[in-house]
């Protein structure tokens, strides 16, 4: 199986990064940006709808 990488984007400071779904909690979990400290639902950090879909499939 090919490893997936999800693109994340902080809506507060515009930081962009990638993470493997195995390294992330479920989409509804509170998540904090390492750069600015913004705290939101992890789903709000997903850069694209497809990234969110993949994360949801992984945690289904």
C-alpha atoms as a PDB file:
ATOM      1  CA  UNK A   1       0.000   0.000   0.000  1.00  0.00           C
ATOM      2  CA  UNK A   2       1.264   3.436  -0.905  1.00  0.00           C
ATOM      3  CA  UNK A   3       1.688   5.906   1.966  1.00  0.00           C
ATOM      4  CA  UNK A   4      -0.504   9.012   1.800  1.00  0.00           C
ATOM      5  CA  UNK A   5       0.553  12.501   2.806  1.00  0.00           C
ATOM      6  CA  UNK A   6      -2.029  15.093   3.726  1.00  0.00           C
ATOM      7  CA  UNK A   7      -1.543  18.804   3.179  1.00  0.00           C
ATOM      8  CA  UNK A   8      -2.320  21.019   6.144  1.00  0.00           C
ATOM      9  CA  UNK A   9      -2.750  24.776   6.238  1.00  0.00           C
ATOM     10  CA  UNK A  10      -3.130  26.986   9.307  1.00  0.00           C
ATOM     11  CA  UNK A  11      -5.980  29.426   8.673  1.00  0.00           C
ATOM     12  CA  UNK A  12      -4.455  31.927  11.131  1.00  0.00           C
ATOM     13  CA  UNK A  13      -0.767  32.148  10.154  1.00  0.00           C
ATOM     14  CA  UNK A  14      -0.839  30.486   6.676  1.00  0.00           C
ATOM     15  CA  UNK A  15       1.772  27.872   7.628  1.00  0.00           C
ATOM     16  CA  UNK A  16       1.766  24.947   5.162  1.00  0.00           C
ATOM     17  CA  UNK A  17       3.004  21.443   5.983  1.00  0.00           C
ATOM     18  CA  UNK A  18       2.391  17.779   5.274  1.00  0.00           C
ATOM     19  CA  UNK A  19       1.665  14.887   7.609  1.00  0.00           C
ATOM     20  CA  UNK A  20       0.891  11.204   7.285  1.00  0.00           C
ATOM     21  CA  UNK A  21      -2.645  10.260   8.375  1.00  0.00           C
ATOM     22  CA  UNK A  22      -1.101   7.772  10.816  1.00  0.00           C
ATOM     23  CA  UNK A  23       0.475  10.734  12.644  1.00  0.00           C
ATOM     24  CA  UNK A  24      -2.791  12.662  12.987  1.00  0.00           C
ATOM     25  CA  UNK A  25      -5.781  12.255  15.314  1.00  0.00           C
ATOM     26  CA  UNK A  26      -9.382  12.060  14.090  1.00  0.00           C
ATOM     27  CA  UNK A  27     -10.740  15.073  12.143  1.00  0.00           C
ATOM     28  CA  UNK A  28     -12.899  16.323  15.043  1.00  0.00           C
ATOM     29  CA  UNK A  29     -10.011  16.451  17.524  1.00  0.00           C
ATOM     30  CA  UNK A  30      -8.777  19.871  18.686  1.00  0.00           C
ATOM     31  CA  UNK A  31      -5.439  20.567  17.021  1.00  0.00           C
ATOM     32  CA  UNK A  32      -2.870  23.318  17.661  1.00  0.00           C
ATOM     33  CA  UNK A  33      -0.582  24.976  15.090  1.00  0.00           C
ATOM     34  CA  UNK A  34       3.050  24.660  16.164  1.00  0.00           C
ATOM     35  CA  UNK A  35       3.897  28.085  14.737  1.00  0.00           C
ATOM     36  CA  UNK A  36       1.187  30.432  16.044  1.00  0.00           C
ATOM     37  CA  UNK A  37      -0.679  28.372  18.650  1.00  0.00           C
ATOM     38  CA  UNK A  38      -4.066  28.598  16.897  1.00  0.00           C
ATOM     39  CA  UNK A  39      -6.382  25.871  18.176  1.00  0.00           C
ATOM     40  CA  UNK A  40      -9.180  24.525  16.001  1.00  0.00           C
ATOM     41  CA  UNK A  41     -10.726  21.274  14.890  1.00  0.00           C
ATOM     42  CA  UNK A  42      -8.170  19.319  12.856  1.00  0.00           C
ATOM     43  CA  UNK A  43     -10.597  19.306   9.927  1.00  0.00           C
ATOM     44  CA  UNK A  44     -10.135  23.098   9.667  1.00  0.00           C
ATOM     45  CA  UNK A  45      -6.397  22.594   9.052  1.00  0.00           C
ATOM     46  CA  UNK A  46      -6.922  20.366   5.999  1.00  0.00           C
ATOM     47  CA  UNK A  47      -5.812  22.252   2.896  1.00  0.00           C
ATOM     48  CA  UNK A  48      -8.187  20.551   0.464  1.00  0.00           C
ATOM     49  CA  UNK A  49     -11.459  18.680   0.624  1.00  0.00           C
ATOM     50  CA  UNK A  50      -9.642  15.586  -0.628  1.00  0.00           C
ATOM     51  CA  UNK A  51      -7.192  15.770   2.302  1.00  0.00           C
ATOM     52  CA  UNK A  52     -10.151  15.849   4.694  1.00  0.00           C
ATOM     53  CA  UNK A  53     -11.823  12.921   2.901  1.00  0.00           C
ATOM     54  CA  UNK A  54      -8.647  10.842   3.169  1.00  0.00           C
ATOM     55  CA  UNK A  55      -8.289  11.619   6.873  1.00  0.00           C
ATOM     56  CA  UNK A  56     -11.929  10.665   7.492  1.00  0.00           C
ATOM     57  CA  UNK A  57     -11.485   7.388   5.561  1.00  0.00           C
ATOM     58  CA  UNK A  58      -8.393   6.571   7.592  1.00  0.00           C
ATOM     59  CA  UNK A  59     -10.206   7.119  10.902  1.00  0.00           C
ATOM     60  CA  UNK A  60     -13.483   5.447   9.868  1.00  0.00           C
END
